Amino acid sequence: MMKTPVGLVTVTLSAAILLAASLLIVTGTQGEDHAHPAHVTTPAAKPAPHR
């Protein structure tokens, strides 16, 4: 284990980032309605070439 201040800060920041990311994922999926699939958009059709 790193005992230097840089190592401790690195480990602490890594843990905080992982915790924040997991909380964002959990809160983002809680209100999701599973009865309806996710809205999928198709790319817009290309306009016909002008001659």
PDB file of N, CA and C in Angstrom:
ATOM      1  N   MET A   1       0.857  -1.189   0.000  1.00  0.00           N
ATOM      2  CA  MET A   1       0.000   0.000   0.000  1.00  0.00           C
ATOM      3  C   MET A   1       0.891   1.236   0.000  1.00  0.00           C
ATOM      4  N   MET A   2       0.466   2.229  -0.758  1.00  0.00           N
ATOM      5  CA  MET A   2       1.246   3.462  -0.832  1.00  0.00           C
ATOM      6  C   MET A   2       1.025   4.309   0.424  1.00  0.00           C
ATOM      7  N   LYS A   3       2.106   4.749   1.025  1.00  0.00           N
ATOM      8  CA  LYS A   3       1.993   5.561   2.232  1.00  0.00           C
ATOM      9  C   LYS A   3       2.293   7.031   1.967  1.00  0.00           C
ATOM     10  N   THR A   4       2.725   7.345   0.761  1.00  0.00           N
ATOM     11  CA  THR A   4       3.040   8.739   0.456  1.00  0.00           C
ATOM     12  C   THR A   4       1.753   9.538   0.315  1.00  0.00           C
ATOM     13  N   PRO A   5       1.811  10.846   0.517  1.00  0.00           N
ATOM     14  CA  PRO A   5       0.602  11.668   0.357  1.00  0.00           C
ATOM     15  C   PRO A   5       0.002  11.565  -1.051  1.00  0.00           C
ATOM     16  N   VAL A   6       0.859  11.469  -2.060  1.00  0.00           N
ATOM     17  CA  VAL A   6       0.347  11.353  -3.438  1.00  0.00           C
ATOM     18  C   VAL A   6      -0.403  10.049  -3.605  1.00  0.00           C
ATOM     19  N   GLY A   7       0.113   8.990  -3.041  1.00  0.00           N
ATOM     20  CA  GLY A   7      -0.554   7.690  -3.139  1.00  0.00           C
ATOM     21  C   GLY A   7      -1.882   7.680  -2.405  1.00  0.00           C
ATOM     22  N   LEU A   8      -1.913   8.290  -1.231  1.00  0.00           N
ATOM     23  CA  LEU A   8      -3.163   8.337  -0.463  1.00  0.00           C
ATOM     24  C   LEU A   8      -4.221   9.163  -1.194  1.00  0.00           C
ATOM     25  N   VAL A   9      -3.816  10.282  -1.778  1.00  0.00           N
ATOM     26  CA  VAL A   9      -4.761  11.116  -2.515  1.00  0.00           C
ATOM     27  C   VAL A   9      -5.271  10.361  -3.749  1.00  0.00           C
ATOM     28  N   THR A  10      -4.372   9.652  -4.428  1.00  0.00           N
ATOM     29  CA  THR A  10      -4.766   8.889  -5.616  1.00  0.00           C
ATOM     30  C   THR A  10      -5.790   7.817  -5.261  1.00  0.00           C
ATOM     31  N   VAL A  11      -5.536   7.085  -4.209  1.00  0.00           N
ATOM     32  CA  VAL A  11      -6.456   6.023  -3.781  1.00  0.00           C
ATOM     33  C   VAL A  11      -7.791   6.618  -3.342  1.00  0.00           C
ATOM     34  N   THR A  12      -7.752   7.710  -2.600  1.00  0.00           N
ATOM     35  CA  THR A  12      -8.980   8.343  -2.119  1.00  0.00           C
ATOM     36  C   THR A  12      -9.818   8.883  -3.277  1.00  0.00           C
ATOM     37  N   LEU A  13      -9.162   9.546  -4.219  1.00  0.00           N
ATOM     38  CA  LEU A  13      -9.899  10.065  -5.377  1.00  0.00           C
ATOM     39  C   LEU A  13     -10.476   8.948  -6.227  1.00  0.00           C
ATOM     40  N   SER A  14      -9.730   7.883  -6.398  1.00  0.00           N
ATOM     41  CA  SER A  14     -10.235   6.748  -7.175  1.00  0.00           C
ATOM     42  C   SER A  14     -11.479   6.153  -6.513  1.00  0.00           C
ATOM     43  N   ALA A  15     -11.439   5.988  -5.211  1.00  0.00           N
ATOM     44  CA  ALA A  15     -12.588   5.442  -4.492  1.00  0.00           C
ATOM     45  C   ALA A  15     -13.786   6.383  -4.581  1.00  0.00           C
ATOM     46  N   ALA A  16     -13.541   7.685  -4.476  1.00  0.00           N
ATOM     47  CA  ALA A  16     -14.641   8.647  -4.554  1.00  0.00           C
ATOM     48  C   ALA A  16     -15.272   8.653  -5.946  1.00  0.00           C
ATOM     49  N   ILE A  17     -14.454   8.565  -6.979  1.00  0.00           N
ATOM     50  CA  ILE A  17     -14.978   8.551  -8.345  1.00  0.00           C
ATOM     51  C   ILE A  17     -15.809   7.290  -8.577  1.00  0.00           C
ATOM     52  N   LEU A  18     -15.317   6.154  -8.133  1.00  0.00           N
ATOM     53  CA  LEU A  18     -16.073   4.903  -8.299  1.00  0.00           C
ATOM     54  C   LEU A  18     -17.392   4.948  -7.528  1.00  0.00           C
ATOM     55  N   LEU A  19     -17.378   5.505  -6.336  1.00  0.00           N
ATOM     56  CA  LEU A  19     -18.603   5.618  -5.545  1.00  0.00           C
ATOM     57  C   LEU A  19     -19.603   6.543  -6.217  1.00  0.00           C
ATOM     58  N   ALA A  20     -19.128   7.688  -6.703  1.00  0.00           N
ATOM     59  CA  ALA A  20     -20.026   8.636  -7.371  1.00  0.00           C
ATOM     60  C   ALA A  20     -20.606   8.029  -8.647  1.00  0.00           C
ATOM     61  N   ALA A  21     -19.789   7.329  -9.410  1.00  0.00           N
ATOM     62  CA  ALA A  21     -20.273   6.713 -10.648  1.00  0.00           C
ATOM     63  C   ALA A  21     -21.318   5.654 -10.350  1.00  0.00           C
ATOM     64  N   SER A  22     -21.092   4.835  -9.340  1.00  0.00           N
ATOM     65  CA  SER A  22     -22.064   3.796  -9.018  1.00  0.00           C
ATOM     66  C   SER A  22     -23.369   4.401  -8.508  1.00  0.00           C
ATOM     67  N   LEU A  23     -23.283   5.483  -7.748  1.00  0.00           N
ATOM     68  CA  LEU A  23     -24.508   6.131  -7.274  1.00  0.00           C
ATOM     69  C   LEU A  23     -25.278   6.759  -8.436  1.00  0.00           C
ATOM     70  N   LEU A  24     -24.569   7.342  -9.399  1.00  0.00           N
ATOM     71  CA  LEU A  24     -25.242   7.909 -10.565  1.00  0.00           C
ATOM     72  C   LEU A  24     -25.935   6.823 -11.378  1.00  0.00           C
ATOM     73  N   ILE A  25     -25.299   5.678 -11.508  1.00  0.00           N
ATOM     74  CA  ILE A  25     -25.905   4.570 -12.256  1.00  0.00           C
ATOM     75  C   ILE A  25     -27.154   4.083 -11.525  1.00  0.00           C
ATOM     76  N   VAL A  26     -27.054   3.920 -10.207  1.00  0.00           N
ATOM     77  CA  VAL A  26     -28.192   3.415  -9.432  1.00  0.00           C
ATOM     78  C   VAL A  26     -29.355   4.395  -9.482  1.00  0.00           C
ATOM     79  N   THR A  27     -29.098   5.670  -9.273  1.00  0.00           N
ATOM     80  CA  THR A  27     -30.193   6.636  -9.271  1.00  0.00           C
ATOM     81  C   THR A  27     -30.746   6.855 -10.673  1.00  0.00           C
ATOM     82  N   GLY A  28     -29.927   6.663 -11.686  1.00  0.00           N
ATOM     83  CA  GLY A  28     -30.407   6.827 -13.053  1.00  0.00           C
ATOM     84  C   GLY A  28     -31.291   5.695 -13.503  1.00  0.00           C
ATOM     85  N   THR A  29     -31.096   4.498 -12.956  1.00  0.00           N
ATOM     86  CA  THR A  29     -31.896   3.352 -13.380  1.00  0.00           C
ATOM     87  C   THR A  29     -33.100   3.108 -12.472  1.00  0.00           C
ATOM     88  N   GLN A  30     -33.212   3.819 -11.355  1.00  0.00           N
ATOM     89  CA  GLN A  30     -34.328   3.578 -10.442  1.00  0.00           C
ATOM     90  C   GLN A  30     -35.664   3.995 -11.048  1.00  0.00           C
ATOM     91  N   GLY A  31     -35.717   5.123 -11.709  1.00  0.00           N
ATOM     92  CA  GLY A  31     -36.976   5.617 -12.237  1.00  0.00           C
ATOM     93  C   GLY A  31     -37.291   5.127 -13.628  1.00  0.00           C
ATOM     94  N   GLU A  32     -36.501   4.191 -14.133  1.00  0.00           N
ATOM     95  CA  GLU A  32     -36.689   3.710 -15.494  1.00  0.00           C
ATOM     96  C   GLU A  32     -37.938   2.838 -15.576  1.00  0.00           C
ATOM     97  N   ASP A  33     -38.720   3.044 -16.621  1.00  0.00           N
ATOM     98  CA  ASP A  33     -39.928   2.256 -16.834  1.00  0.00           C
ATOM     99  C   ASP A  33     -39.567   1.063 -17.703  1.00  0.00           C
ATOM    100  N   HIS A  34     -39.618  -0.131 -17.115  1.00  0.00           N
ATOM    101  CA  HIS A  34     -39.188  -1.318 -17.852  1.00  0.00           C
ATOM    102  C   HIS A  34     -40.274  -1.847 -18.783  1.00  0.00           C
ATOM    103  N   ALA A  35     -41.490  -1.329 -18.699  1.00  0.00           N
ATOM    104  CA  ALA A  35     -42.553  -1.789 -19.579  1.00  0.00           C
ATOM    105  C   ALA A  35     -42.342  -1.285 -21.001  1.00  0.00           C
ATOM    106  N   HIS A  36     -41.714  -0.137 -21.137  1.00  0.00           N
ATOM    107  CA  HIS A  36     -41.468   0.438 -22.456  1.00  0.00           C
ATOM    108  C   HIS A  36     -39.978   0.371 -22.759  1.00  0.00           C
ATOM    109  N   PRO A  37     -39.616  -0.166 -23.915  1.00  0.00           N
ATOM    110  CA  PRO A  37     -38.182  -0.209 -24.248  1.00  0.00           C
ATOM    111  C   PRO A  37     -37.629   1.197 -24.467  1.00  0.00           C
ATOM    112  N   ALA A  38     -36.345   1.301 -24.410  1.00  0.00           N
ATOM    113  CA  ALA A  38     -35.695   2.596 -24.602  1.00  0.00           C
ATOM    114  C   ALA A  38     -36.010   3.125 -25.997  1.00  0.00           C
ATOM    115  N   HIS A  39     -36.171   4.430 -26.083  1.00  0.00           N
ATOM    116  CA  HIS A  39     -36.488   5.066 -27.358  1.00  0.00           C
ATOM    117  C   HIS A  39     -35.249   5.033 -28.239  1.00  0.00           C
ATOM    118  N   VAL A  40     -35.375   4.415 -29.395  1.00  0.00           N
ATOM    119  CA  VAL A  40     -34.244   4.319 -30.313  1.00  0.00           C
ATOM    120  C   VAL A  40     -34.535   5.212 -31.503  1.00  0.00           C
ATOM    121  N   THR A  41     -33.627   6.099 -31.767  1.00  0.00           N
ATOM    122  CA  THR A  41     -33.818   6.987 -32.908  1.00  0.00           C
ATOM    123  C   THR A  41     -32.985   6.477 -34.077  1.00  0.00           C
ATOM    124  N   THR A  42     -33.541   6.602 -35.265  1.00  0.00           N
ATOM    125  CA  THR A  42     -32.809   6.207 -36.453  1.00  0.00           C
ATOM    126  C   THR A  42     -32.214   7.450 -37.080  1.00  0.00           C
ATOM    127  N   PRO A  43     -31.106   7.309 -37.765  1.00  0.00           N
ATOM    128  CA  PRO A  43     -30.518   8.496 -38.393  1.00  0.00           C
ATOM    129  C   PRO A  43     -31.431   9.048 -39.482  1.00  0.00           C
ATOM    130  N   ALA A  44     -31.381  10.343 -39.661  1.00  0.00           N
ATOM    131  CA  ALA A  44     -32.223  10.989 -40.664  1.00  0.00           C
ATOM    132  C   ALA A  44     -31.827  10.489 -42.051  1.00  0.00           C
ATOM    133  N   ALA A  45     -32.828  10.356 -42.900  1.00  0.00           N
ATOM    134  CA  ALA A  45     -32.568   9.898 -44.271  1.00  0.00           C
ATOM    135  C   ALA A  45     -31.781  10.966 -45.022  1.00  0.00           C
ATOM    136  N   LYS A  46     -30.911  10.517 -45.898  1.00  0.00           N
ATOM    137  CA  LYS A  46     -30.128  11.466 -46.686  1.00  0.00           C
ATOM    138  C   LYS A  46     -31.023  12.072 -47.756  1.00  0.00           C
ATOM    139  N   PRO A  47     -30.937  13.371 -47.965  1.00  0.00           N
ATOM    140  CA  PRO A  47     -31.763  13.989 -49.007  1.00  0.00           C
ATOM    141  C   PRO A  47     -31.320  13.516 -50.389  1.00  0.00           C
ATOM    142  N   ALA A  48     -32.268  13.530 -51.316  1.00  0.00           N
ATOM    143  CA  ALA A  48     -31.970  13.094 -52.678  1.00  0.00           C
ATOM    144  C   ALA A  48     -30.969  14.058 -53.309  1.00  0.00           C
ATOM    145  N   PRO A  49     -30.014  13.537 -54.054  1.00  0.00           N
ATOM    146  CA  PRO A  49     -29.023  14.429 -54.677  1.00  0.00           C
ATOM    147  C   PRO A  49     -29.679  15.309 -55.737  1.00  0.00           C
ATOM    148  N   HIS A  50     -29.243  16.546 -55.796  1.00  0.00           N
ATOM    149  CA  HIS A  50     -29.780  17.484 -56.791  1.00  0.00           C
ATOM    150  C   HIS A  50     -29.014  17.319 -58.101  1.00  0.00           C
ATOM    151  N   ARG A  51     -29.740  17.343 -59.205  1.00  0.00           N
ATOM    152  CA  ARG A  51     -29.080  17.179 -60.507  1.00  0.00           C
ATOM    153  C   ARG A  51     -29.057  18.454 -61.277  1.00  0.00           C
TER     154      ARG A  51
END
